[in-house]
C-alpha cells in the first residue's frame, strides 16, 4: 500500500505465504572428512533434482567437515522420499554421512 499502512488482509496473506513456503523445506545435515568439491557436488545434486538452497552453513574443524542446508523442496522433480534417498546416496559416495528431514518432522521433534 503506497503512502499508508498495509491492511490486515495484506498482513494475513503474507503470513499464509510464509507458512506455505516453510512447509516445503527440508533440512540436510552432512558430516565427514573434508575433501575438495564436497559442497559443490552435494549442492549440484540438490539442484539437479529440483531443490532450491535457501540457507547453508558449513564448518571445518581440523580435517572434518559439517554442513547444514535448508532446501526448498516445493518444486522437486521426484517424490520427497526419492529426493532424500538420492541426495543421501550422493553424500555417501563422497565418504560422508547425512541425514535429511522434512522441516515438519524437525519442528515436531523440537516440540517434544
C-alpha atoms as a PDB file:
ATOM      1  CA  UNK A   1       0.000   0.000   0.000  1.00  0.00           C
ATOM      2  CA  UNK A   2       1.539   3.295  -1.100  1.00  0.00           C
ATOM      3  CA  UNK A   3       1.533   6.047   1.487  1.00  0.00           C
ATOM      4  CA  UNK A   4      -0.225   4.113   4.212  1.00  0.00           C
ATOM      5  CA  UNK A   5      -0.146   1.103   6.468  1.00  0.00           C
ATOM      6  CA  UNK A   6      -0.928  -2.279   4.927  1.00  0.00           C
ATOM      7  CA  UNK A   7      -4.368  -3.683   5.613  1.00  0.00           C
ATOM      8  CA  UNK A   8      -4.866  -6.644   7.928  1.00  0.00           C
ATOM      9  CA  UNK A   9      -5.773  -8.743   4.869  1.00  0.00           C
ATOM     10  CA  UNK A  10      -2.350  -7.999   3.365  1.00  0.00           C
ATOM     11  CA  UNK A  11      -0.601  -8.984   6.584  1.00  0.00           C
ATOM     12  CA  UNK A  12      -2.613 -12.210   6.876  1.00  0.00           C
ATOM     13  CA  UNK A  13      -1.815 -13.062   3.258  1.00  0.00           C
ATOM     14  CA  UNK A  14       1.908 -12.528   3.924  1.00  0.00           C
ATOM     15  CA  UNK A  15       1.786 -14.789   6.978  1.00  0.00           C
ATOM     16  CA  UNK A  16      -0.011 -17.505   4.993  1.00  0.00           C
ATOM     17  CA  UNK A  17       2.540 -17.263   2.162  1.00  0.00           C
ATOM     18  CA  UNK A  18       5.381 -17.612   4.656  1.00  0.00           C
ATOM     19  CA  UNK A  19       3.729 -20.635   6.279  1.00  0.00           C
ATOM     20  CA  UNK A  20       3.229 -22.292   2.894  1.00  0.00           C
ATOM     21  CA  UNK A  21       6.838 -21.604   1.935  1.00  0.00           C
ATOM     22  CA  UNK A  22       8.099 -23.106   5.177  1.00  0.00           C
ATOM     23  CA  UNK A  23       6.087 -26.300   4.753  1.00  0.00           C
ATOM     24  CA  UNK A  24       8.076 -27.139   1.654  1.00  0.00           C
ATOM     25  CA  UNK A  25      11.511 -27.154   3.234  1.00  0.00           C
ATOM     26  CA  UNK A  26      13.884 -29.903   4.249  1.00  0.00           C
ATOM     27  CA  UNK A  27      16.983 -29.814   6.434  1.00  0.00           C
ATOM     28  CA  UNK A  28      20.098 -31.694   5.296  1.00  0.00           C
ATOM     29  CA  UNK A  29      22.964 -32.247   7.720  1.00  0.00           C
ATOM     30  CA  UNK A  30      26.238 -33.662   6.442  1.00  0.00           C
ATOM     31  CA  UNK A  31      29.452 -34.652   8.238  1.00  0.00           C
ATOM     32  CA  UNK A  32      32.673 -36.323   7.203  1.00  0.00           C
ATOM     33  CA  UNK A  33      36.290 -35.896   6.193  1.00  0.00           C
ATOM     34  CA  UNK A  34      36.818 -32.721   4.241  1.00  0.00           C
ATOM     35  CA  UNK A  35      37.629 -33.096   0.546  1.00  0.00           C
ATOM     36  CA  UNK A  36      37.801 -30.754  -2.412  1.00  0.00           C
ATOM     37  CA  UNK A  37      34.420 -30.290  -4.109  1.00  0.00           C
ATOM     38  CA  UNK A  38      32.202 -31.706  -1.355  1.00  0.00           C
ATOM     39  CA  UNK A  39      29.880 -28.683  -1.214  1.00  0.00           C
ATOM     40  CA  UNK A  40      29.769 -28.342  -4.996  1.00  0.00           C
ATOM     41  CA  UNK A  41      28.863 -31.971  -5.573  1.00  0.00           C
ATOM     42  CA  UNK A  42      26.125 -32.060  -2.926  1.00  0.00           C
ATOM     43  CA  UNK A  43      24.561 -28.751  -3.953  1.00  0.00           C
ATOM     44  CA  UNK A  44      24.691 -29.731  -7.633  1.00  0.00           C
ATOM     45  CA  UNK A  45      22.776 -32.939  -6.900  1.00  0.00           C
ATOM     46  CA  UNK A  46      20.164 -30.983  -4.932  1.00  0.00           C
ATOM     47  CA  UNK A  47      19.730 -28.610  -7.895  1.00  0.00           C
ATOM     48  CA  UNK A  48      19.543 -31.470 -10.422  1.00  0.00           C
ATOM     49  CA  UNK A  49      16.564 -32.886  -8.523  1.00  0.00           C
ATOM     50  CA  UNK A  50      14.802 -29.506  -8.409  1.00  0.00           C
ATOM     51  CA  UNK A  51      15.699 -28.457  -4.869  1.00  0.00           C
ATOM     52  CA  UNK A  52      16.485 -24.805  -4.156  1.00  0.00           C
ATOM     53  CA  UNK A  53      19.021 -23.970  -1.444  1.00  0.00           C
ATOM     54  CA  UNK A  54      17.601 -21.336   0.865  1.00  0.00           C
ATOM     55  CA  UNK A  55      20.330 -21.290   3.504  1.00  0.00           C
ATOM     56  CA  UNK A  56      23.649 -23.042   4.022  1.00  0.00           C
ATOM     57  CA  UNK A  57      26.196 -23.192   6.811  1.00  0.00           C
ATOM     58  CA  UNK A  58      29.446 -25.119   6.840  1.00  0.00           C
ATOM     59  CA  UNK A  59      32.244 -25.516   9.332  1.00  0.00           C
ATOM     60  CA  UNK A  60      35.666 -27.078   9.125  1.00  0.00           C
ATOM     61  CA  UNK A  61      37.291 -28.357  12.299  1.00  0.00           C
ATOM     62  CA  UNK A  62      40.673 -29.836  11.539  1.00  0.00           C
ATOM     63  CA  UNK A  63      40.075 -32.248   8.669  1.00  0.00           C
ATOM     64  CA  UNK A  64      36.382 -32.671   9.455  1.00  0.00           C
ATOM     65  CA  UNK A  65      33.520 -31.044   7.637  1.00  0.00           C
ATOM     66  CA  UNK A  66      29.995 -30.276   8.866  1.00  0.00           C
ATOM     67  CA  UNK A  67      27.281 -28.651   6.787  1.00  0.00           C
ATOM     68  CA  UNK A  68      23.622 -27.797   7.281  1.00  0.00           C
ATOM     69  CA  UNK A  69      21.497 -26.892   4.266  1.00  0.00           C
ATOM     70  CA  UNK A  70      17.901 -25.667   4.250  1.00  0.00           C
ATOM     71  CA  UNK A  71      16.337 -26.768   0.955  1.00  0.00           C
ATOM     72  CA  UNK A  72      13.078 -25.633  -0.615  1.00  0.00           C
ATOM     73  CA  UNK A  73      11.574 -28.902  -1.862  1.00  0.00           C
ATOM     74  CA  UNK A  74       8.366 -27.389  -3.235  1.00  0.00           C
ATOM     75  CA  UNK A  75       9.463 -27.848  -6.863  1.00  0.00           C
ATOM     76  CA  UNK A  76      11.444 -31.093  -6.688  1.00  0.00           C
ATOM     77  CA  UNK A  77      11.091 -33.347  -9.723  1.00  0.00           C
ATOM     78  CA  UNK A  78      10.689 -36.578  -7.700  1.00  0.00           C
ATOM     79  CA  UNK A  79       8.897 -37.662  -4.507  1.00  0.00           C
ATOM     80  CA  UNK A  80      10.372 -36.383  -1.258  1.00  0.00           C
ATOM     81  CA  UNK A  81      11.416 -39.936  -0.323  1.00  0.00           C
ATOM     82  CA  UNK A  82      13.314 -40.365  -3.592  1.00  0.00           C
ATOM     83  CA  UNK A  83      14.855 -36.885  -3.278  1.00  0.00           C
ATOM     84  CA  UNK A  84      16.014 -37.777   0.218  1.00  0.00           C
ATOM     85  CA  UNK A  85      17.435 -41.143  -0.893  1.00  0.00           C
ATOM     86  CA  UNK A  86      19.241 -39.731  -3.922  1.00  0.00           C
ATOM     87  CA  UNK A  87      20.836 -36.844  -2.033  1.00  0.00           C
ATOM     88  CA  UNK A  88      21.884 -39.170   0.801  1.00  0.00           C
ATOM     89  CA  UNK A  89      23.374 -41.609  -1.748  1.00  0.00           C
ATOM     90  CA  UNK A  90      25.361 -38.789  -3.357  1.00  0.00           C
ATOM     91  CA  UNK A  91      26.702 -37.797   0.045  1.00  0.00           C
ATOM     92  CA  UNK A  92      27.641 -41.416   0.818  1.00  0.00           C
ATOM     93  CA  UNK A  93      29.589 -41.618  -2.474  1.00  0.00           C
ATOM     94  CA  UNK A  94      31.767 -38.814  -1.080  1.00  0.00           C
ATOM     95  CA  UNK A  95      32.502 -40.857   2.040  1.00  0.00           C
ATOM     96  CA  UNK A  96      30.368 -38.624   4.232  1.00  0.00           C
ATOM     97  CA  UNK A  97      27.243 -39.224   6.307  1.00  0.00           C
ATOM     98  CA  UNK A  98      23.998 -37.290   6.001  1.00  0.00           C
ATOM     99  CA  UNK A  99      20.516 -37.030   7.379  1.00  0.00           C
ATOM    100  CA  UNK A 100      17.630 -35.234   5.702  1.00  0.00           C
ATOM    101  CA  UNK A 101      14.343 -34.427   7.393  1.00  0.00           C
ATOM    102  CA  UNK A 102      11.330 -32.552   6.172  1.00  0.00           C
ATOM    103  CA  UNK A 103      11.002 -29.359   8.195  1.00  0.00           C
ATOM    104  CA  UNK A 104       7.640 -30.516   9.593  1.00  0.00           C
ATOM    105  CA  UNK A 105       9.370 -33.529  11.186  1.00  0.00           C
ATOM    106  CA  UNK A 106      12.218 -31.373  12.514  1.00  0.00           C
ATOM    107  CA  UNK A 107       9.753 -28.893  14.018  1.00  0.00           C
ATOM    108  CA  UNK A 108       7.751 -31.686  15.645  1.00  0.00           C
ATOM    109  CA  UNK A 109      10.883 -33.236  17.147  1.00  0.00           C
ATOM    110  CA  UNK A 110      11.829 -29.946  18.746  1.00  0.00           C
ATOM    111  CA  UNK A 111       8.389 -29.548  20.315  1.00  0.00           C
ATOM    112  CA  UNK A 112       8.719 -32.811  22.243  1.00  0.00           C
END
